[in-house]
PDB file of N, CA and C in Angstrom:
ATOM      1  N   MET A   1      -4.077   0.243  41.099  1.00  0.00           N
ATOM      2  CA  MET A   1      -4.654   0.494  42.286  1.00  0.00           C
ATOM      3  C   MET A   1      -5.242   1.980  42.493  1.00  0.00           C
ATOM      4  N   GLU A   2      -6.835   2.458  42.485  1.00  0.00           N
ATOM      5  CA  GLU A   2      -6.908   3.470  42.494  1.00  0.00           C
ATOM      6  C   GLU A   2      -6.670   4.130  43.997  1.00  0.00           C
ATOM      7  N   PHE A   3      -6.303   5.695  43.764  1.00  0.00           N
ATOM      8  CA  PHE A   3      -6.078   6.208  44.974  1.00  0.00           C
ATOM      9  C   PHE A   3      -7.205   7.704  44.987  1.00  0.00           C
ATOM     10  N   SER A   4      -7.507   8.312  45.920  1.00  0.00           N
ATOM     11  CA  SER A   4      -8.343   9.282  45.617  1.00  0.00           C
ATOM     12  C   SER A   4      -8.022  10.697  47.100  1.00  0.00           C
ATOM     13  N   CYS A   5      -8.819  11.255  46.767  1.00  0.00           N
ATOM     14  CA  CYS A   5      -8.664  12.494  48.101  1.00  0.00           C
ATOM     15  C   CYS A   5      -9.722  11.469  49.604  1.00  0.00           C
ATOM     16  N   ASP A   6     -10.713  10.587  48.808  1.00  0.00           N
ATOM     17  CA  ASP A   6     -11.031   9.931  50.251  1.00  0.00           C
ATOM     18  C   ASP A   6     -10.399   9.139  51.172  1.00  0.00           C
ATOM     19  N   ASP A   7      -9.223   8.171  50.293  1.00  0.00           N
ATOM     20  CA  ASP A   7      -8.153   8.009  50.924  1.00  0.00           C
ATOM     21  C   ASP A   7      -7.377   8.290  51.963  1.00  0.00           C
ATOM     22  N   LEU A   8      -6.774   9.629  51.193  1.00  0.00           N
ATOM     23  CA  LEU A   8      -6.288  10.584  52.041  1.00  0.00           C
ATOM     24  C   LEU A   8      -6.545  10.778  53.311  1.00  0.00           C
ATOM     25  N   VAL A   9      -8.429  11.547  53.274  1.00  0.00           N
ATOM     26  CA  VAL A   9      -9.027  12.109  54.683  1.00  0.00           C
ATOM     27  C   VAL A   9      -9.674  10.488  55.437  1.00  0.00           C
ATOM     28  N   SER A  10      -9.432   9.363  55.086  1.00  0.00           N
ATOM     29  CA  SER A  10      -9.301   8.056  55.429  1.00  0.00           C
ATOM     30  C   SER A  10      -8.324   7.402  56.407  1.00  0.00           C
ATOM     31  N   ALA A  11      -7.407   8.440  56.073  1.00  0.00           N
ATOM     32  CA  ALA A  11      -5.717   7.856  56.866  1.00  0.00           C
ATOM     33  C   ALA A  11      -5.878   8.491  58.085  1.00  0.00           C
ATOM     34  N   ILE A  12      -6.099  10.660  56.987  1.00  0.00           N
ATOM     35  CA  ILE A  12      -5.727  11.203  58.536  1.00  0.00           C
ATOM     36  C   ILE A  12      -6.840  11.191  59.554  1.00  0.00           C
ATOM     37  N   ALA A  13      -8.184  10.637  59.131  1.00  0.00           N
ATOM     38  CA  ALA A  13      -8.960  10.310  60.459  1.00  0.00           C
ATOM     39  C   ALA A  13      -7.941   8.916  61.024  1.00  0.00           C
ATOM     40  N   GLU A  14      -7.916   8.640  60.232  1.00  0.00           N
ATOM     41  CA  GLU A  14      -7.464   7.194  61.398  1.00  0.00           C
ATOM     42  C   GLU A  14      -6.628   7.284  62.438  1.00  0.00           C
ATOM     43  N   HIS A  15      -5.679   8.457  62.107  1.00  0.00           N
ATOM     44  CA  HIS A  15      -4.466   9.531  63.283  1.00  0.00           C
ATOM     45  C   HIS A  15      -5.348   9.836  64.153  1.00  0.00           C
ATOM     46  N   LEU A  16      -6.589  10.627  63.426  1.00  0.00           N
ATOM     47  CA  LEU A  16      -6.874  11.222  64.788  1.00  0.00           C
ATOM     48  C   LEU A  16      -7.399  11.134  65.918  1.00  0.00           C
ATOM     49  N   ALA A  17      -8.290   9.182  65.378  1.00  0.00           N
ATOM     50  CA  ALA A  17      -8.607   8.754  66.363  1.00  0.00           C
ATOM     51  C   ALA A  17      -7.922   7.904  66.795  1.00  0.00           C
ATOM     52  N   GLY A  18      -6.597   7.848  66.530  1.00  0.00           N
ATOM     53  CA  GLY A  18      -5.829   7.316  67.344  1.00  0.00           C
ATOM     54  C   GLY A  18      -5.044   6.053  67.219  1.00  0.00           C
ATOM     55  N   ARG A  19      -5.368   5.545  65.631  1.00  0.00           N
ATOM     56  CA  ARG A  19      -5.376   4.376  65.155  1.00  0.00           C
ATOM     57  C   ARG A  19      -3.772   4.621  64.184  1.00  0.00           C
ATOM     58  N   LEU A  20      -3.890   5.229  64.060  1.00  0.00           N
ATOM     59  CA  LEU A  20      -2.016   5.210  63.606  1.00  0.00           C
ATOM     60  C   LEU A  20      -1.566   6.609  64.097  1.00  0.00           C
ATOM     61  N   SER A  21       0.032   5.924  64.407  1.00  0.00           N
ATOM     62  CA  SER A  21       1.101   7.380  65.251  1.00  0.00           C
ATOM     63  C   SER A  21       1.160   7.894  63.506  1.00  0.00           C
ATOM     64  N   ARG A  22       1.796   9.218  64.303  1.00  0.00           N
ATOM     65  CA  ARG A  22       2.352  10.407  63.782  1.00  0.00           C
ATOM     66  C   ARG A  22       3.285   9.767  62.971  1.00  0.00           C
ATOM     67  N   LYS A  23       4.380   8.914  62.780  1.00  0.00           N
ATOM     68  CA  LYS A  23       4.741   8.230  62.275  1.00  0.00           C
ATOM     69  C   LYS A  23       4.515   7.367  61.361  1.00  0.00           C
ATOM     70  N   GLN A  24       3.667   6.512  61.413  1.00  0.00           N
ATOM     71  CA  GLN A  24       2.950   5.451  60.775  1.00  0.00           C
ATOM     72  C   GLN A  24       2.235   6.465  59.646  1.00  0.00           C
ATOM     73  N   LEU A  25       1.480   7.384  60.108  1.00  0.00           N
ATOM     74  CA  LEU A  25       1.069   7.916  58.818  1.00  0.00           C
ATOM     75  C   LEU A  25       1.993   8.749  57.820  1.00  0.00           C
ATOM     76  N   ALA A  26       3.119   9.092  58.448  1.00  0.00           N
ATOM     77  CA  ALA A  26       4.321   9.711  57.332  1.00  0.00           C
ATOM     78  C   ALA A  26       4.644   8.801  57.013  1.00  0.00           C
ATOM     79  N   ALA A  27       5.206   7.582  57.449  1.00  0.00           N
ATOM     80  CA  ALA A  27       5.304   6.447  56.263  1.00  0.00           C
ATOM     81  C   ALA A  27       4.412   6.490  55.154  1.00  0.00           C
ATOM     82  N   TRP A  28       2.859   5.795  55.454  1.00  0.00           N
ATOM     83  CA  TRP A  28       2.135   5.448  55.183  1.00  0.00           C
ATOM     84  C   TRP A  28       2.108   7.062  53.536  1.00  0.00           C
ATOM     85  N   ALA A  29       2.141   7.664  53.948  1.00  0.00           N
ATOM     86  CA  ALA A  29       1.785   8.938  52.741  1.00  0.00           C
ATOM     87  C   ALA A  29       3.511   9.021  51.400  1.00  0.00           C
ATOM     88  N   PHE A  30       4.493   8.323  52.607  1.00  0.00           N
ATOM     89  CA  PHE A  30       5.655   8.780  51.948  1.00  0.00           C
ATOM     90  C   PHE A  30       5.377   7.070  51.079  1.00  0.00           C
ATOM     91  N   ASP A  31       4.769   6.768  51.389  1.00  0.00           N
ATOM     92  CA  ASP A  31       4.963   4.730  50.602  1.00  0.00           C
ATOM     93  C   ASP A  31       3.867   5.085  49.136  1.00  0.00           C
ATOM     94  N   ARG A  32       2.013   6.099  49.694  1.00  0.00           N
ATOM     95  CA  ARG A  32       1.586   6.154  48.792  1.00  0.00           C
ATOM     96  C   ARG A  32       2.880   7.268  47.568  1.00  0.00           C
ATOM     97  N   PHE A  33       3.275   8.704  47.946  1.00  0.00           N
ATOM     98  CA  PHE A  33       3.934   9.405  47.109  1.00  0.00           C
ATOM     99  C   PHE A  33       4.877   8.338  46.109  1.00  0.00           C
ATOM    100  N   TYR A  34       5.443   7.763  46.828  1.00  0.00           N
ATOM    101  CA  TYR A  34       6.606   6.689  46.325  1.00  0.00           C
ATOM    102  C   TYR A  34       5.785   6.015  44.609  1.00  0.00           C
ATOM    103  N   GLU A  35       4.319   5.595  45.267  1.00  0.00           N
ATOM    104  CA  GLU A  35       4.127   4.753  44.750  1.00  0.00           C
ATOM    105  C   GLU A  35       3.094   5.474  42.869  1.00  0.00           C
ATOM    106  N   LEU A  36       2.704   6.737  43.766  1.00  0.00           N
ATOM    107  CA  LEU A  36       2.195   7.768  42.735  1.00  0.00           C
ATOM    108  C   LEU A  36       3.480   7.747  41.622  1.00  0.00           C
ATOM    109  N   GLU A  37       4.773   8.004  42.001  1.00  0.00           N
ATOM    110  CA  GLU A  37       5.609   8.410  40.892  1.00  0.00           C
ATOM    111  C   GLU A  37       6.311   7.362  40.297  1.00  0.00           C
ATOM    112  N   GLN A  38       6.306   6.480  40.651  1.00  0.00           N
ATOM    113  CA  GLN A  38       6.241   5.025  40.321  1.00  0.00           C
ATOM    114  C   GLN A  38       5.246   4.954  39.398  1.00  0.00           C
ATOM    115  N   GLY A  39       3.512   5.459  39.124  1.00  0.00           N
ATOM    116  CA  GLY A  39       2.819   4.759  38.195  1.00  0.00           C
ATOM    117  C   GLY A  39       2.120   4.048  39.238  1.00  0.00           C
ATOM    118  N   GLU A  40       2.602   3.303  40.139  1.00  0.00           N
ATOM    119  CA  GLU A  40       1.583   2.449  40.923  1.00  0.00           C
ATOM    120  C   GLU A  40       0.333   2.421  41.189  1.00  0.00           C
ATOM    121  N   ILE A  41      -0.028   3.941  41.876  1.00  0.00           N
ATOM    122  CA  ILE A  41      -1.354   3.868  41.777  1.00  0.00           C
ATOM    123  C   ILE A  41      -1.833   5.060  40.892  1.00  0.00           C
ATOM    124  N   ILE A  42      -3.027   4.723  40.708  1.00  0.00           N
ATOM    125  CA  ILE A  42      -3.934   6.220  39.804  1.00  0.00           C
ATOM    126  C   ILE A  42      -4.975   7.272  40.741  1.00  0.00           C
ATOM    127  N   VAL A  43      -4.364   8.285  40.022  1.00  0.00           N
ATOM    128  CA  VAL A  43      -5.371   9.668  40.842  1.00  0.00           C
ATOM    129  C   VAL A  43      -6.292  10.183  39.865  1.00  0.00           C
ATOM    130  N   PRO A  44      -7.407  10.334  40.276  1.00  0.00           N
ATOM    131  CA  PRO A  44      -8.224  11.285  39.263  1.00  0.00           C
ATOM    132  C   PRO A  44      -7.530  12.510  39.168  1.00  0.00           C
ATOM    133  N   PRO A  45      -7.608  12.518  37.627  1.00  0.00           N
ATOM    134  CA  PRO A  45      -6.696  14.117  37.531  1.00  0.00           C
ATOM    135  C   PRO A  45      -6.729  15.046  37.944  1.00  0.00           C
ATOM    136  N   GLU A  46      -8.439  15.708  38.198  1.00  0.00           N
ATOM    137  CA  GLU A  46      -8.743  16.421  39.179  1.00  0.00           C
ATOM    138  C   GLU A  46      -8.206  16.593  40.716  1.00  0.00           C
ATOM    139  N   GLU A  47      -7.849  15.439  40.686  1.00  0.00           N
ATOM    140  CA  GLU A  47      -7.321  15.449  42.415  1.00  0.00           C
ATOM    141  C   GLU A  47      -5.306  15.790  42.546  1.00  0.00           C
ATOM    142  N   GLU A  48      -5.089  15.014  41.193  1.00  0.00           N
ATOM    143  CA  GLU A  48      -3.982  14.785  41.215  1.00  0.00           C
ATOM    144  C   GLU A  48      -3.241  16.110  42.521  1.00  0.00           C
ATOM    145  N   ALA A  49      -3.044  17.184  41.685  1.00  0.00           N
ATOM    146  CA  ALA A  49      -2.447  18.561  42.405  1.00  0.00           C
ATOM    147  C   ALA A  49      -2.586  18.157  43.688  1.00  0.00           C
ATOM    148  N   VAL A  50      -3.389  17.939  44.538  1.00  0.00           N
ATOM    149  CA  VAL A  50      -4.186  18.585  46.233  1.00  0.00           C
ATOM    150  C   VAL A  50      -3.665  17.093  46.554  1.00  0.00           C
ATOM    151  N   ILE A  51      -3.843  15.999  45.676  1.00  0.00           N
ATOM    152  CA  ILE A  51      -3.227  14.712  46.786  1.00  0.00           C
ATOM    153  C   ILE A  51      -1.901  14.886  46.818  1.00  0.00           C
ATOM    154  N   ARG A  52      -1.051  15.358  45.269  1.00  0.00           N
ATOM    155  CA  ARG A  52       0.573  15.368  46.123  1.00  0.00           C
ATOM    156  C   ARG A  52       1.139  16.348  46.567  1.00  0.00           C
ATOM    157  N   ASP A  53       0.451  17.360  47.150  1.00  0.00           N
ATOM    158  CA  ASP A  53       0.494  18.135  47.962  1.00  0.00           C
ATOM    159  C   ASP A  53      -0.073  17.592  49.313  1.00  0.00           C
ATOM    160  N   ALA A  54      -0.988  17.021  49.524  1.00  0.00           N
ATOM    161  CA  ALA A  54      -1.143  15.878  51.305  1.00  0.00           C
ATOM    162  C   ALA A  54      -0.246  15.518  50.876  1.00  0.00           C
ATOM    163  N   LEU A  55      -0.042  14.793  50.192  1.00  0.00           N
ATOM    164  CA  LEU A  55       1.099  13.557  50.379  1.00  0.00           C
ATOM    165  C   LEU A  55       2.462  14.087  51.308  1.00  0.00           C
ATOM    166  N   ASP A  56       2.897  15.323  50.226  1.00  0.00           N
ATOM    167  CA  ASP A  56       4.505  15.923  50.897  1.00  0.00           C
ATOM    168  C   ASP A  56       3.631  16.699  51.762  1.00  0.00           C
ATOM    169  N   ASP A  57       2.638  17.011  52.565  1.00  0.00           N
ATOM    170  CA  ASP A  57       2.748  17.382  53.626  1.00  0.00           C
ATOM    171  C   ASP A  57       2.755  16.668  54.549  1.00  0.00           C
ATOM    172  N   LEU A  58       1.934  15.826  54.393  1.00  0.00           N
ATOM    173  CA  LEU A  58       2.541  14.219  55.226  1.00  0.00           C
ATOM    174  C   LEU A  58       3.050  13.752  56.008  1.00  0.00           C
ATOM    175  N   MET A  59       4.072  13.392  54.631  1.00  0.00           N
ATOM    176  CA  MET A  59       5.650  12.455  54.623  1.00  0.00           C
ATOM    177  C   MET A  59       6.384  12.898  55.503  1.00  0.00           C
ATOM    178  N   PHE A  60       6.573  13.955  56.286  1.00  0.00           N
ATOM    179  CA  PHE A  60       7.407  14.944  56.635  1.00  0.00           C
ATOM    180  C   PHE A  60       6.222  15.645  58.392  1.00  0.00           C
ATOM    181  N   ALA A  61       5.433  15.075  58.317  1.00  0.00           N
ATOM    182  CA  ALA A  61       4.079  15.428  59.248  1.00  0.00           C
ATOM    183  C   ALA A  61       5.392  14.384  60.604  1.00  0.00           C
ATOM    184  N   ASP A  62       5.738  13.762  60.691  1.00  0.00           N
ATOM    185  CA  ASP A  62       6.965  13.207  61.864  1.00  0.00           C
ATOM    186  C   ASP A  62       8.039  14.217  62.152  1.00  0.00           C
ATOM    187  N   ASP A  63       8.360  14.545  61.456  1.00  0.00           N
ATOM    188  CA  ASP A  63       9.683  15.661  61.714  1.00  0.00           C
ATOM    189  C   ASP A  63       9.403  16.689  62.322  1.00  0.00           C
ATOM    190  N   ALA A  64       9.849  17.378  63.780  1.00  0.00           N
ATOM    191  CA  ALA A  64       9.649  18.160  64.196  1.00  0.00           C
ATOM    192  C   ALA A  64       9.176  19.624  63.668  1.00  0.00           C
ATOM    193  N   PRO A  65       9.703  19.620  62.667  1.00  0.00           N
ATOM    194  CA  PRO A  65       9.426  20.979  61.922  1.00  0.00           C
ATOM    195  C   PRO A  65       8.495  21.498  61.759  1.00  0.00           C
ATOM    196  N   PHE A  66       7.867  19.994  61.016  1.00  0.00           N
ATOM    197  CA  PHE A  66       6.779  20.035  59.824  1.00  0.00           C
ATOM    198  C   PHE A  66       5.684  19.103  60.368  1.00  0.00           C
ATOM    199  N   VAL A  67       5.613  19.279  61.921  1.00  0.00           N
ATOM    200  CA  VAL A  67       4.478  18.717  62.713  1.00  0.00           C
ATOM    201  C   VAL A  67       3.058  19.087  62.221  1.00  0.00           C
ATOM    202  N   LEU A  68       1.988  18.886  62.208  1.00  0.00           N
ATOM    203  CA  LEU A  68       0.499  19.437  61.726  1.00  0.00           C
ATOM    204  C   LEU A  68      -0.327  18.981  63.320  1.00  0.00           C
ATOM    205  N   SER A  69      -0.531  20.554  63.545  1.00  0.00           N
ATOM    206  CA  SER A  69      -1.512  20.369  64.846  1.00  0.00           C
ATOM    207  C   SER A  69      -3.156  19.541  64.077  1.00  0.00           C
ATOM    208  N   GLU A  70      -3.500  19.370  65.017  1.00  0.00           N
ATOM    209  CA  GLU A  70      -4.829  18.638  65.052  1.00  0.00           C
ATOM    210  C   GLU A  70      -5.959  19.306  63.648  1.00  0.00           C
ATOM    211  N   GLY A  71      -5.534  20.996  64.150  1.00  0.00           N
ATOM    212  CA  GLY A  71      -6.449  22.037  63.347  1.00  0.00           C
ATOM    213  C   GLY A  71      -5.933  22.035  62.079  1.00  0.00           C
ATOM    214  N   GLU A  72      -4.564  22.055  62.027  1.00  0.00           N
ATOM    215  CA  GLU A  72      -3.725  22.068  60.119  1.00  0.00           C
ATOM    216  C   GLU A  72      -4.513  20.416  59.808  1.00  0.00           C
ATOM    217  N   LEU A  73      -4.575  19.371  60.819  1.00  0.00           N
ATOM    218  CA  LEU A  73      -4.517  18.391  59.873  1.00  0.00           C
ATOM    219  C   LEU A  73      -6.908  18.124  59.551  1.00  0.00           C
ATOM    220  N   ARG A  74      -7.399  18.611  60.387  1.00  0.00           N
ATOM    221  CA  ARG A  74      -8.685  18.970  59.801  1.00  0.00           C
ATOM    222  C   ARG A  74      -9.061  19.876  58.892  1.00  0.00           C
ATOM    223  N   GLN A  75      -8.159  20.878  58.808  1.00  0.00           N
ATOM    224  CA  GLN A  75      -7.939  21.858  57.160  1.00  0.00           C
ATOM    225  C   GLN A  75      -8.098  21.204  56.130  1.00  0.00           C
ATOM    226  N   LEU A  76      -6.639  20.318  56.354  1.00  0.00           N
ATOM    227  CA  LEU A  76      -6.524  19.579  55.176  1.00  0.00           C
ATOM    228  C   LEU A  76      -7.698  18.284  54.799  1.00  0.00           C
ATOM    229  N   MET A  77      -8.286  17.721  55.793  1.00  0.00           N
ATOM    230  CA  MET A  77      -8.972  17.150  55.174  1.00  0.00           C
ATOM    231  C   MET A  77     -10.395  17.618  55.284  1.00  0.00           C
ATOM    232  N   GLU A  78     -10.889  18.971  55.035  1.00  0.00           N
ATOM    233  CA  GLU A  78     -11.656  19.485  54.756  1.00  0.00           C
ATOM    234  C   GLU A  78     -11.815  20.162  53.057  1.00  0.00           C
ATOM    235  N   ARG A  79      -9.935  20.400  52.796  1.00  0.00           N
ATOM    236  CA  ARG A  79      -9.763  20.894  51.847  1.00  0.00           C
ATOM    237  C   ARG A  79      -9.345  19.660  50.759  1.00  0.00           C
ATOM    238  N   LEU A  80      -9.373  18.766  51.050  1.00  0.00           N
ATOM    239  CA  LEU A  80      -9.668  17.391  50.254  1.00  0.00           C
ATOM    240  C   LEU A  80     -11.367  16.682  50.109  1.00  0.00           C
ATOM    241  N   ALA A  81     -11.450  17.327  50.726  1.00  0.00           N
ATOM    242  CA  ALA A  81     -12.984  16.890  50.596  1.00  0.00           C
ATOM    243  C   ALA A  81     -13.896  17.516  49.806  1.00  0.00           C
ATOM    244  N   GLN A  82     -13.365  18.874  49.639  1.00  0.00           N
ATOM    245  CA  GLN A  82     -13.775  19.647  48.282  1.00  0.00           C
ATOM    246  C   GLN A  82     -13.273  19.560  46.646  1.00  0.00           C
ATOM    247  N   VAL A  83     -12.670  18.256  46.667  1.00  0.00           N
ATOM    248  CA  VAL A  83     -11.856  18.244  45.065  1.00  0.00           C
ATOM    249  C   VAL A  83     -12.863  17.587  44.754  1.00  0.00           C
TER     250      VAL A  83
END
């Protein structure tokens, strides 16, 4: 399965629109990170570093010390869109 920055942007947008809870977003990111580690998803080589960083940020975003604000999530979306 292919996976790109656009997929991450879409998931964050779903969260910001209230259709995914913070916990659901974190679980989704954890699953994608694990799939990437296992070679179950393929990412464009030029996007891999930013995807890994974003997934790492998001998969812990349901834990109080690591919660990302709306502004931080929007910045993350912008960073992903620039790749």
